[in-house]
C-alpha atoms as a PDB file:
ATOM      1  CA  MET A   1     -20.098  23.423 -16.698  1.00  0.00           C
ATOM      2  CA  LYS A   2     -20.735  25.742 -13.991  1.00  0.00           C
ATOM      3  CA  ALA A   3     -18.608  28.770 -13.120  1.00  0.00           C
ATOM      4  CA  MET A   4     -15.723  28.057 -10.992  1.00  0.00           C
ATOM      5  CA  THR A   5     -13.467  29.500  -8.217  1.00  0.00           C
ATOM      6  CA  ILE A   6     -10.275  30.474 -10.163  1.00  0.00           C
ATOM      7  CA  LYS A   7      -8.878  27.951  -7.636  1.00  0.00           C
ATOM      8  CA  ALA A   8     -11.098  25.555  -9.562  1.00  0.00           C
ATOM      9  CA  GLN A   9     -10.097  26.491 -12.657  1.00  0.00           C
ATOM     10  CA  GLU A  10      -6.051  26.004 -11.728  1.00  0.00           C
ATOM     11  CA  ALA A  11      -6.622  22.646 -10.340  1.00  0.00           C
ATOM     12  CA  LEU A  12      -8.142  21.470 -13.944  1.00  0.00           C
ATOM     13  CA  GLU A  13      -5.910  23.528 -16.094  1.00  0.00           C
ATOM     14  CA  HIS A  14      -3.050  21.182 -13.415  1.00  0.00           C
ATOM     15  CA  ALA A  15      -5.200  17.874 -13.989  1.00  0.00           C
ATOM     16  CA  ALA A  16      -5.103  18.556 -17.938  1.00  0.00           C
ATOM     17  CA  ALA A  17      -1.629  19.224 -18.025  1.00  0.00           C
ATOM     18  CA  VAL A  18      -0.635  15.898 -15.439  1.00  0.00           C
ATOM     19  CA  ALA A  19      -2.991  13.842 -17.682  1.00  0.00           C
ATOM     20  CA  GLN A  20      -0.900  15.172 -21.292  1.00  0.00           C
ATOM     21  CA  SER A  21       1.950  14.274 -19.364  1.00  0.00           C
ATOM     22  CA  LEU A  22       1.269  10.762 -18.765  1.00  0.00           C
ATOM     23  CA  SER A  23       0.081  10.455 -22.420  1.00  0.00           C
ATOM     24  CA  SER A  24      -3.378  10.111 -21.084  1.00  0.00           C
ATOM     25  CA  GLY A  25      -6.074  10.222 -23.598  1.00  0.00           C
ATOM     26  CA  GLN A  26      -8.900  11.884 -21.114  1.00  0.00           C
ATOM     27  CA  ILE A  27      -8.844  14.112 -18.457  1.00  0.00           C
ATOM     28  CA  GLY A  28      -9.943  11.490 -15.656  1.00  0.00           C
ATOM     29  CA  THR A  29     -10.945  11.834 -11.818  1.00  0.00           C
ATOM     30  CA  GLU A  30      -7.636  10.420 -11.131  1.00  0.00           C
ATOM     31  CA  HIS A  31      -5.978  13.771 -13.015  1.00  0.00           C
ATOM     32  CA  ILE A  32      -8.426  16.519 -11.085  1.00  0.00           C
ATOM     33  CA  LEU A  33      -7.614  14.598  -7.737  1.00  0.00           C
ATOM     34  CA  LEU A  34      -3.985  15.309  -8.427  1.00  0.00           C
ATOM     35  CA  GLY A  35      -5.408  18.990  -9.606  1.00  0.00           C
ATOM     36  CA  LEU A  36      -6.951  19.312  -6.222  1.00  0.00           C
ATOM     37  CA  LEU A  37      -3.709  18.345  -4.222  1.00  0.00           C
ATOM     38  CA  HIS A  38      -1.230  20.794  -6.458  1.00  0.00           C
ATOM     39  CA  SER A  39      -2.215  24.011  -4.418  1.00  0.00           C
ATOM     40  CA  ALA A  40      -3.164  24.841  -0.774  1.00  0.00           C
ATOM     41  CA  ASN A  41      -6.522  24.324  -0.923  1.00  0.00           C
ATOM     42  CA  LEU A  42      -9.448  23.104   1.442  1.00  0.00           C
ATOM     43  CA  ALA A  43      -9.698  20.219  -0.416  1.00  0.00           C
ATOM     44  CA  SER A  44      -5.874  19.363  -0.517  1.00  0.00           C
ATOM     45  CA  GLU A  45      -6.029  20.089   3.614  1.00  0.00           C
ATOM     46  CA  VAL A  46      -8.754  17.441   3.971  1.00  0.00           C
ATOM     47  CA  LEU A  47      -7.342  14.985   1.718  1.00  0.00           C
ATOM     48  CA  GLU A  48      -4.042  15.390   2.933  1.00  0.00           C
ATOM     49  CA  ALA A  49      -5.318  14.923   6.730  1.00  0.00           C
ATOM     50  CA  HIS A  50      -6.647  11.383   5.382  1.00  0.00           C
ATOM     51  CA  ASN A  51      -2.921  10.816   4.366  1.00  0.00           C
ATOM     52  CA  LEU A  52      -3.802  11.195   0.607  1.00  0.00           C
ATOM     53  CA  THR A  53      -0.950  13.464  -1.075  1.00  0.00           C
ATOM     54  CA  TYR A  54       0.165  14.683  -4.187  1.00  0.00           C
ATOM     55  CA  GLY A  55       2.909  12.678  -4.517  1.00  0.00           C
ATOM     56  CA  ALA A  56       1.682   9.649  -3.457  1.00  0.00           C
ATOM     57  CA  VAL A  57      -1.129   9.681  -5.911  1.00  0.00           C
ATOM     58  CA  LEU A  58       1.012  10.231  -8.717  1.00  0.00           C
ATOM     59  CA  GLU A  59       3.364   7.623  -8.158  1.00  0.00           C
ATOM     60  CA  LYS A  60       0.394   5.360  -7.966  1.00  0.00           C
ATOM     61  CA  LEU A  61      -0.810   6.497 -10.878  1.00  0.00           C
ATOM     62  CA  LYS A  62       2.517   6.094 -12.619  1.00  0.00           C
ATOM     63  CA  GLU A  63       3.053   2.253 -11.333  1.00  0.00           C
ATOM     64  CA  MET A  64      -0.334   1.878 -12.611  1.00  0.00           C
ATOM     65  CA  LYS A  65       0.362   2.907 -16.487  1.00  0.00           C
ATOM     66  CA  ARG A  66       3.441   1.427 -16.481  1.00  0.00           C
ATOM     67  CA  LYS A  67       1.452  -1.535 -16.800  1.00  0.00           C
ATOM     68  CA  GLU A  68      -0.320  -0.212 -19.553  1.00  0.00           C
ATOM     69  CA  PRO A  69       1.538  -0.087 -23.408  1.00  0.00           C
ATOM     70  CA  VAL A  70       3.057   3.068 -23.988  1.00  0.00           C
ATOM     71  CA  ILE A  71       1.192   5.118 -26.417  1.00  0.00           C
ATOM     72  CA  ARG A  72       1.461   8.841 -26.675  1.00  0.00           C
ATOM     73  CA  LYS A  73      -1.834  10.638 -26.573  1.00  0.00           C
ATOM     74  CA  GLU A  74      -2.914  14.070 -26.117  1.00  0.00           C
ATOM     75  CA  ALA A  75      -5.495  14.313 -23.321  1.00  0.00           C
ATOM     76  CA  LYS A  76      -9.039  15.482 -25.174  1.00  0.00           C
ATOM     77  CA  GLY A  77     -11.548  16.464 -22.965  1.00  0.00           C
ATOM     78  CA  TYR A  78     -13.000  14.306 -19.710  1.00  0.00           C
ATOM     79  CA  THR A  79     -13.854  10.944 -19.166  1.00  0.00           C
ATOM     80  CA  PRO A  80     -17.490  10.105 -18.323  1.00  0.00           C
ATOM     81  CA  GLY A  81     -16.642   9.924 -14.509  1.00  0.00           C
ATOM     82  CA  ALA A  82     -14.882  12.808 -14.849  1.00  0.00           C
ATOM     83  CA  GLU A  83     -17.885  15.002 -16.217  1.00  0.00           C
ATOM     84  CA  ARG A  84     -19.758  13.504 -13.725  1.00  0.00           C
ATOM     85  CA  VAL A  85     -17.936  14.818 -11.133  1.00  0.00           C
ATOM     86  CA  LEU A  86     -17.864  18.270 -12.733  1.00  0.00           C
ATOM     87  CA  ALA A  87     -21.159  18.354 -13.526  1.00  0.00           C
ATOM     88  CA  ALA A  88     -21.710  17.433  -9.882  1.00  0.00           C
ATOM     89  CA  ALA A  89     -19.665  20.325  -8.408  1.00  0.00           C
END
């Protein structure tokens, strides 16, 4: 991965925490999206201007997770899609 700003690192740390709290096996693009929305930054401003809020995304993600069997997992690494996004960043 390329060197990142402190805000980007914080977003990825939050993404990992959310993935862990939702018992996701890996950190996906949905978790990275929540990491970006978590704090005030240009990305969150643009996303929120298009009515994409942290609360709405988290609720949708939880709704989707409720349809899956509950298996406690520790988030380990990134999904292939998240790896591609981070490589392109």
